[in-house]
Amino acid sequence: MTRNEEQPAGQARQRIDKWLFFARLRKSRSLAARSVEAGDVSVNGASVRQPSHMVRPGDVIVLSLDRHDMVVKVLLPGERRGPYEEARLLYSDMTPPPPPREERSLFAQATRERGAGRPTKRERRETDRLQDFSGDGED
């Protein structure tokens, strides 16, 4: 079989770095290769460290991004890096939804509700008063 002949659909395989680039999950192929080498990618539950690792339709890829992990199932090998609509056909997103805000960690950074604006002077004084109260008797 030569390179130009097409492989049967069940045998279609592609390098992981190339597939991540074609699926638009990484901005460049070199960034995709670096993330694979860094151990940020696993295929079917096994960590992958070689950009030449071959993936095929049906493989489940877990990609560690900055703030969350993305879980995708390979549907098709890519032929080119096309527009988003075309790249979206290469995978099925299986990433679980984030937990509701109430269930998040108690140690998460305190934030204000969206649209609440900046605190008023009175609210800042109340916050400062609460932060200054330490209960150690010094003042």
N, C-alpha and C. Protein backbone atom coordinates (compact mmCIF):
# COMPACT_ATOMS: atom_id res chain seq x y z
N MET A 1 0.85 -1.19 0.00
CA MET A 1 0.00 0.00 0.00
C MET A 1 0.88 1.24 0.00
N THR A 2 0.65 2.15 -0.89
CA THR A 2 1.43 3.38 -0.95
C THR A 2 0.79 4.43 -0.08
N ARG A 3 1.51 5.51 0.10
CA ARG A 3 1.00 6.59 0.96
C ARG A 3 -0.24 7.24 0.39
N ASN A 4 -0.34 7.29 -0.93
CA ASN A 4 -1.46 8.00 -1.56
C ASN A 4 -2.75 7.20 -1.55
N GLU A 5 -2.66 5.86 -1.36
CA GLU A 5 -3.87 5.05 -1.31
C GLU A 5 -4.59 5.31 0.02
N GLU A 6 -5.90 5.30 -0.05
CA GLU A 6 -6.67 5.51 1.17
C GLU A 6 -6.78 4.22 1.95
N GLN A 7 -6.74 4.34 3.26
CA GLN A 7 -6.90 3.18 4.13
C GLN A 7 -8.38 2.96 4.35
N PRO A 8 -8.79 1.71 4.62
CA PRO A 8 -10.21 1.47 4.96
C PRO A 8 -10.59 2.29 6.19
N ALA A 9 -11.88 2.62 6.30
CA ALA A 9 -12.35 3.49 7.38
C ALA A 9 -12.01 2.93 8.76
N GLY A 10 -12.04 1.62 8.95
CA GLY A 10 -11.75 1.03 10.25
C GLY A 10 -10.27 1.10 10.60
N GLN A 11 -9.41 1.27 9.61
CA GLN A 11 -7.97 1.27 9.83
C GLN A 11 -7.38 2.68 9.82
N ALA A 12 -8.19 3.71 9.65
CA ALA A 12 -7.68 5.08 9.55
C ALA A 12 -7.03 5.49 10.87
N ARG A 13 -5.73 5.76 10.82
CA ARG A 13 -5.00 6.18 12.02
C ARG A 13 -4.23 7.44 11.69
N GLN A 14 -3.92 8.21 12.75
CA GLN A 14 -3.20 9.46 12.55
C GLN A 14 -2.38 9.77 13.79
N ARG A 15 -1.27 10.47 13.58
CA ARG A 15 -0.43 10.88 14.71
C ARG A 15 -1.23 11.78 15.64
N ILE A 16 -1.01 11.62 16.95
CA ILE A 16 -1.77 12.39 17.94
C ILE A 16 -1.51 13.89 17.82
N ASP A 17 -0.26 14.30 17.58
CA ASP A 17 0.02 15.73 17.47
C ASP A 17 -0.67 16.34 16.25
N LYS A 18 -0.69 15.61 15.16
CA LYS A 18 -1.35 16.08 13.95
C LYS A 18 -2.86 16.16 14.16
N TRP A 19 -3.42 15.15 14.82
CA TRP A 19 -4.87 15.13 15.05
C TRP A 19 -5.29 16.28 15.97
N LEU A 20 -4.53 16.53 17.05
CA LEU A 20 -4.86 17.64 17.95
C LEU A 20 -4.83 18.98 17.22
N PHE A 21 -3.90 19.12 16.29
CA PHE A 21 -3.78 20.34 15.50
C PHE A 21 -4.96 20.47 14.54
N PHE A 22 -5.28 19.39 13.82
CA PHE A 22 -6.39 19.42 12.86
C PHE A 22 -7.73 19.62 13.56
N ALA A 23 -7.89 19.09 14.77
CA ALA A 23 -9.15 19.22 15.52
C ALA A 23 -9.26 20.57 16.22
N ARG A 24 -8.25 21.40 16.06
CA ARG A 24 -8.20 22.74 16.65
C ARG A 24 -8.23 22.71 18.18
N LEU A 25 -7.66 21.66 18.77
CA LEU A 25 -7.54 21.60 20.23
C LEU A 25 -6.22 22.20 20.68
N ARG A 26 -5.30 22.41 19.74
CA ARG A 26 -4.03 23.10 19.97
C ARG A 26 -3.80 24.05 18.81
N LYS A 27 -3.14 25.19 19.09
CA LYS A 27 -2.97 26.22 18.06
C LYS A 27 -1.97 25.85 16.97
N SER A 28 -0.97 25.03 17.30
CA SER A 28 0.00 24.62 16.29
C SER A 28 0.39 23.18 16.54
N ARG A 29 0.98 22.59 15.52
CA ARG A 29 1.39 21.19 15.67
C ARG A 29 2.54 21.07 16.65
N SER A 30 3.43 22.06 16.68
CA SER A 30 4.55 22.00 17.62
C SER A 30 4.05 22.15 19.06
N LEU A 31 3.02 22.97 19.30
CA LEU A 31 2.43 23.06 20.64
C LEU A 31 1.74 21.76 21.02
N ALA A 32 1.12 21.12 20.05
CA ALA A 32 0.49 19.83 20.31
C ALA A 32 1.55 18.80 20.69
N ALA A 33 2.67 18.79 19.98
CA ALA A 33 3.75 17.85 20.27
C ALA A 33 4.32 18.11 21.66
N ARG A 34 4.49 19.38 22.02
CA ARG A 34 5.01 19.72 23.35
C ARG A 34 4.08 19.28 24.46
N SER A 35 2.77 19.46 24.27
CA SER A 35 1.83 19.06 25.32
C SER A 35 1.80 17.54 25.46
N VAL A 36 1.99 16.80 24.35
CA VAL A 36 2.06 15.34 24.44
C VAL A 36 3.32 14.94 25.18
N GLU A 37 4.45 15.54 24.84
CA GLU A 37 5.72 15.21 25.50
C GLU A 37 5.70 15.57 26.99
N ALA A 38 4.94 16.60 27.35
CA ALA A 38 4.85 17.02 28.75
C ALA A 38 3.94 16.11 29.58
N GLY A 39 3.23 15.21 28.92
CA GLY A 39 2.35 14.29 29.64
C GLY A 39 0.96 14.84 29.87
N ASP A 40 0.56 15.86 29.11
CA ASP A 40 -0.76 16.47 29.28
C ASP A 40 -1.84 15.73 28.51
N VAL A 41 -1.49 14.65 27.82
CA VAL A 41 -2.45 13.93 26.98
C VAL A 41 -2.44 12.45 27.37
N SER A 42 -3.64 11.88 27.47
CA SER A 42 -3.73 10.43 27.65
C SER A 42 -4.75 9.89 26.66
N VAL A 43 -4.48 8.68 26.17
CA VAL A 43 -5.36 8.04 25.19
C VAL A 43 -5.85 6.74 25.80
N ASN A 44 -7.16 6.59 25.87
CA ASN A 44 -7.80 5.39 26.45
C ASN A 44 -7.26 5.08 27.84
N GLY A 45 -7.02 6.10 28.64
CA GLY A 45 -6.59 5.93 30.02
C GLY A 45 -5.09 5.77 30.20
N ALA A 46 -4.33 5.66 29.14
CA ALA A 46 -2.88 5.51 29.24
C ALA A 46 -2.19 6.80 28.85
N SER A 47 -1.25 7.25 29.67
CA SER A 47 -0.52 8.47 29.38
C SER A 47 0.34 8.27 28.13
N VAL A 48 0.35 9.28 27.27
CA VAL A 48 1.11 9.22 26.02
C VAL A 48 2.18 10.30 26.07
N ARG A 49 3.41 9.94 25.73
CA ARG A 49 4.51 10.91 25.74
C ARG A 49 5.20 11.04 24.40
N GLN A 50 4.69 10.35 23.38
CA GLN A 50 5.30 10.43 22.05
C GLN A 50 4.32 11.06 21.08
N PRO A 51 4.72 12.16 20.43
CA PRO A 51 3.84 12.80 19.45
C PRO A 51 3.50 11.89 18.27
N SER A 52 4.28 10.82 18.07
CA SER A 52 4.04 9.92 16.95
C SER A 52 3.01 8.83 17.30
N HIS A 53 2.47 8.85 18.52
CA HIS A 53 1.46 7.86 18.91
C HIS A 53 0.27 7.96 17.96
N MET A 54 -0.19 6.82 17.47
CA MET A 54 -1.29 6.82 16.50
C MET A 54 -2.64 6.71 17.21
N VAL A 55 -3.59 7.52 16.77
CA VAL A 55 -4.96 7.44 17.28
C VAL A 55 -5.87 7.04 16.14
N ARG A 56 -6.98 6.42 16.49
CA ARG A 56 -7.95 5.98 15.48
C ARG A 56 -9.35 6.28 16.00
N PRO A 57 -10.34 6.26 15.13
CA PRO A 57 -11.71 6.52 15.57
C PRO A 57 -12.11 5.57 16.70
N GLY A 58 -12.74 6.12 17.72
CA GLY A 58 -13.16 5.35 18.88
C GLY A 58 -12.27 5.58 20.09
N ASP A 59 -11.05 6.11 19.89
CA ASP A 59 -10.16 6.40 21.00
C ASP A 59 -10.68 7.57 21.82
N VAL A 60 -10.51 7.49 23.14
CA VAL A 60 -10.91 8.58 24.03
C VAL A 60 -9.65 9.29 24.49
N ILE A 61 -9.60 10.60 24.26
CA ILE A 61 -8.42 11.40 24.58
C ILE A 61 -8.77 12.36 25.72
N VAL A 62 -7.92 12.39 26.75
CA VAL A 62 -8.06 13.36 27.84
C VAL A 62 -6.92 14.35 27.69
N LEU A 63 -7.28 15.61 27.51
CA LEU A 63 -6.31 16.67 27.29
C LEU A 63 -6.36 17.64 28.46
N SER A 64 -5.25 17.79 29.17
CA SER A 64 -5.19 18.71 30.32
C SER A 64 -4.92 20.11 29.81
N LEU A 65 -5.89 20.99 30.01
CA LEU A 65 -5.73 22.38 29.62
C LEU A 65 -5.41 23.20 30.87
N ASP A 66 -5.30 24.50 30.74
CA ASP A 66 -4.89 25.34 31.85
C ASP A 66 -5.80 25.21 33.07
N ARG A 67 -7.09 25.32 32.88
CA ARG A 67 -8.02 25.36 34.02
C ARG A 67 -8.91 24.13 34.15
N HIS A 68 -8.91 23.24 33.15
CA HIS A 68 -9.76 22.06 33.22
C HIS A 68 -9.22 20.98 32.29
N ASP A 69 -9.78 19.80 32.41
CA ASP A 69 -9.43 18.69 31.52
C ASP A 69 -10.54 18.55 30.49
N MET A 70 -10.15 18.28 29.26
CA MET A 70 -11.11 18.10 28.18
C MET A 70 -11.09 16.64 27.77
N VAL A 71 -12.27 16.03 27.68
CA VAL A 71 -12.39 14.63 27.29
C VAL A 71 -13.10 14.58 25.95
N VAL A 72 -12.44 14.01 24.94
CA VAL A 72 -13.02 13.92 23.60
C VAL A 72 -12.87 12.51 23.07
N LYS A 73 -13.80 12.14 22.21
CA LYS A 73 -13.75 10.84 21.53
C LYS A 73 -13.46 11.10 20.06
N VAL A 74 -12.46 10.43 19.52
CA VAL A 74 -12.07 10.60 18.12
C VAL A 74 -13.14 9.97 17.24
N LEU A 75 -13.68 10.75 16.30
CA LEU A 75 -14.67 10.24 15.37
C LEU A 75 -14.06 9.99 13.99
N LEU A 76 -13.18 10.89 13.56
CA LEU A 76 -12.56 10.79 12.24
C LEU A 76 -11.12 11.29 12.30
N PRO A 77 -10.26 10.78 11.42
CA PRO A 77 -8.93 11.39 11.31
C PRO A 77 -9.05 12.70 10.52
N GLY A 78 -8.17 13.64 10.78
CA GLY A 78 -8.22 14.91 10.07
C GLY A 78 -7.46 14.85 8.76
N GLU A 79 -7.91 15.65 7.81
CA GLU A 79 -7.20 15.74 6.52
C GLU A 79 -6.48 17.07 6.40
N ARG A 80 -7.02 18.09 7.06
CA ARG A 80 -6.41 19.42 7.03
C ARG A 80 -6.92 20.21 8.22
N ARG A 81 -6.28 21.33 8.50
CA ARG A 81 -6.75 22.22 9.56
C ARG A 81 -7.71 23.20 8.92
N GLY A 82 -8.96 22.87 8.98
CA GLY A 82 -9.99 23.69 8.36
C GLY A 82 -10.66 24.60 9.36
N PRO A 83 -11.78 25.15 8.99
CA PRO A 83 -12.53 26.01 9.91
C PRO A 83 -13.08 25.21 11.09
N TYR A 84 -13.53 25.92 12.11
CA TYR A 84 -14.02 25.28 13.33
C TYR A 84 -15.13 24.28 13.04
N GLU A 85 -16.07 24.64 12.18
CA GLU A 85 -17.20 23.76 11.88
C GLU A 85 -16.71 22.43 11.32
N GLU A 86 -15.67 22.46 10.50
CA GLU A 86 -15.11 21.23 9.94
C GLU A 86 -14.32 20.45 10.99
N ALA A 87 -13.56 21.15 11.82
CA ALA A 87 -12.77 20.50 12.86
C ALA A 87 -13.66 19.87 13.91
N ARG A 88 -14.80 20.45 14.19
CA ARG A 88 -15.72 19.95 15.21
C ARG A 88 -16.28 18.59 14.84
N LEU A 89 -16.26 18.24 13.56
CA LEU A 89 -16.76 16.94 13.11
C LEU A 89 -15.78 15.81 13.40
N LEU A 90 -14.54 16.14 13.79
CA LEU A 90 -13.52 15.13 14.04
C LEU A 90 -13.65 14.48 15.41
N TYR A 91 -14.39 15.11 16.34
CA TYR A 91 -14.48 14.56 17.69
C TYR A 91 -15.84 14.83 18.31
N SER A 92 -16.10 14.07 19.37
CA SER A 92 -17.30 14.25 20.18
C SER A 92 -16.83 14.69 21.57
N ASP A 93 -17.31 15.82 22.04
CA ASP A 93 -16.90 16.34 23.33
C ASP A 93 -17.64 15.61 24.45
N MET A 94 -16.89 14.93 25.31
CA MET A 94 -17.46 14.17 26.41
C MET A 94 -17.06 14.77 27.76
N THR A 95 -16.60 16.01 27.76
CA THR A 95 -16.17 16.68 28.98
C THR A 95 -17.35 16.83 29.94
N PRO A 96 -17.21 16.37 31.19
CA PRO A 96 -18.30 16.55 32.14
C PRO A 96 -18.51 18.02 32.45
N PRO A 97 -19.75 18.43 32.72
CA PRO A 97 -20.00 19.84 33.03
C PRO A 97 -19.35 20.22 34.36
N PRO A 98 -18.97 21.49 34.52
CA PRO A 98 -18.36 21.91 35.78
C PRO A 98 -19.39 21.82 36.91
N PRO A 99 -18.92 21.61 38.14
CA PRO A 99 -19.87 21.53 39.26
C PRO A 99 -20.53 22.88 39.49
N PRO A 100 -21.74 22.87 40.04
CA PRO A 100 -22.41 24.14 40.34
C PRO A 100 -21.57 24.97 41.30
N ARG A 101 -21.77 26.28 41.30
CA ARG A 101 -20.96 27.19 42.11
C ARG A 101 -21.01 26.85 43.59
N GLU A 102 -22.15 26.37 44.11
CA GLU A 102 -22.27 26.07 45.53
C GLU A 102 -21.39 24.89 45.95
N GLU A 103 -21.16 23.93 45.03
CA GLU A 103 -20.42 22.72 45.37
C GLU A 103 -18.92 22.89 45.20
N ARG A 104 -18.47 24.00 44.73
CA ARG A 104 -17.04 24.20 44.54
C ARG A 104 -16.33 24.29 45.88
N SER A 105 -15.05 24.22 45.86
CA SER A 105 -14.23 24.19 47.07
C SER A 105 -14.49 25.39 47.97
N LEU A 106 -14.42 25.15 49.28
CA LEU A 106 -14.59 26.23 50.24
C LEU A 106 -13.41 27.19 50.21
N PHE A 107 -12.28 26.72 49.69
CA PHE A 107 -11.08 27.52 49.66
C PHE A 107 -10.92 28.30 48.37
N ALA A 108 -11.94 28.30 47.52
CA ALA A 108 -11.87 29.03 46.26
C ALA A 108 -11.81 30.54 46.55
N GLN A 109 -11.28 31.26 45.63
CA GLN A 109 -11.14 32.71 45.79
C GLN A 109 -12.52 33.36 45.89
N ALA A 110 -12.65 34.29 46.82
CA ALA A 110 -13.92 35.00 47.00
C ALA A 110 -14.16 35.91 45.81
N THR A 111 -15.35 35.86 45.28
CA THR A 111 -15.69 36.70 44.13
C THR A 111 -17.04 37.35 44.37
N ARG A 112 -17.25 38.43 43.68
CA ARG A 112 -18.54 39.11 43.73
C ARG A 112 -19.39 38.59 42.57
N GLU A 113 -20.67 38.68 42.72
CA GLU A 113 -21.58 38.26 41.66
C GLU A 113 -21.38 39.17 40.45
N ARG A 114 -21.56 38.61 39.28
CA ARG A 114 -21.44 39.40 38.05
C ARG A 114 -22.47 40.52 38.06
N GLY A 115 -22.05 41.69 37.66
CA GLY A 115 -22.95 42.83 37.59
C GLY A 115 -23.12 43.56 38.89
N ALA A 116 -22.49 43.10 39.97
CA ALA A 116 -22.64 43.74 41.27
C ALA A 116 -21.81 45.02 41.34
N GLY A 117 -20.85 45.19 40.46
CA GLY A 117 -20.03 46.39 40.45
C GLY A 117 -19.02 46.41 41.59
N ARG A 118 -18.38 47.53 41.73
CA ARG A 118 -17.39 47.68 42.80
C ARG A 118 -18.09 47.87 44.14
N PRO A 119 -17.45 47.46 45.23
CA PRO A 119 -18.08 47.67 46.54
C PRO A 119 -18.15 49.15 46.89
N THR A 120 -19.18 49.51 47.63
CA THR A 120 -19.29 50.89 48.07
C THR A 120 -18.32 51.13 49.22
N LYS A 121 -18.16 52.39 49.60
CA LYS A 121 -17.26 52.72 50.71
C LYS A 121 -17.73 52.04 51.99
N ARG A 122 -19.03 52.01 52.20
CA ARG A 122 -19.58 51.37 53.39
C ARG A 122 -19.26 49.87 53.40
N GLU A 123 -19.44 49.22 52.25
CA GLU A 123 -19.14 47.79 52.16
C GLU A 123 -17.65 47.52 52.39
N ARG A 124 -16.80 48.40 51.89
CA ARG A 124 -15.35 48.23 52.11
C ARG A 124 -15.01 48.36 53.58
N ARG A 125 -15.63 49.33 54.28
CA ARG A 125 -15.38 49.49 55.71
C ARG A 125 -15.81 48.24 56.48
N GLU A 126 -16.97 47.68 56.12
CA GLU A 126 -17.45 46.47 56.78
C GLU A 126 -16.50 45.30 56.53
N THR A 127 -16.01 45.19 55.32
CA THR A 127 -15.05 44.13 55.00
C THR A 127 -13.76 44.32 55.78
N ASP A 128 -13.27 45.56 55.84
CA ASP A 128 -12.04 45.84 56.59
C ASP A 128 -12.24 45.53 58.08
N ARG A 129 -13.41 45.89 58.60
CA ARG A 129 -13.70 45.63 60.01
C ARG A 129 -13.68 44.12 60.29
N LEU A 130 -14.23 43.33 59.39
CA LEU A 130 -14.24 41.88 59.56
C LEU A 130 -12.83 41.30 59.46
N GLN A 131 -12.03 41.84 58.55
CA GLN A 131 -10.67 41.33 58.37
C GLN A 131 -9.77 41.74 59.54
N ASP A 132 -10.01 42.91 60.10
CA ASP A 132 -9.19 43.38 61.23
C ASP A 132 -9.50 42.62 62.51
N PHE A 133 -10.72 42.09 62.63
CA PHE A 133 -11.08 41.35 63.83
C PHE A 133 -10.38 40.01 63.81
N SER A 134 -9.40 39.83 64.70
CA SER A 134 -8.66 38.59 64.70
C SER A 134 -8.86 37.80 66.00
N GLY A 135 -9.40 38.41 67.03
CA GLY A 135 -9.68 37.70 68.26
C GLY A 135 -8.48 37.45 69.14
N ASP A 136 -7.32 38.05 68.85
CA ASP A 136 -6.13 37.82 69.66
C ASP A 136 -5.94 38.87 70.75
N GLY A 137 -6.84 39.83 70.80
CA GLY A 137 -6.80 40.82 71.87
C GLY A 137 -5.91 42.01 71.58
N GLU A 138 -5.20 42.02 70.49
CA GLU A 138 -4.32 43.17 70.17
C GLU A 138 -5.11 44.21 69.41
N ASP A 139 -4.85 45.44 69.71
CA ASP A 139 -5.52 46.53 69.00
C ASP A 139 -4.79 47.83 69.17
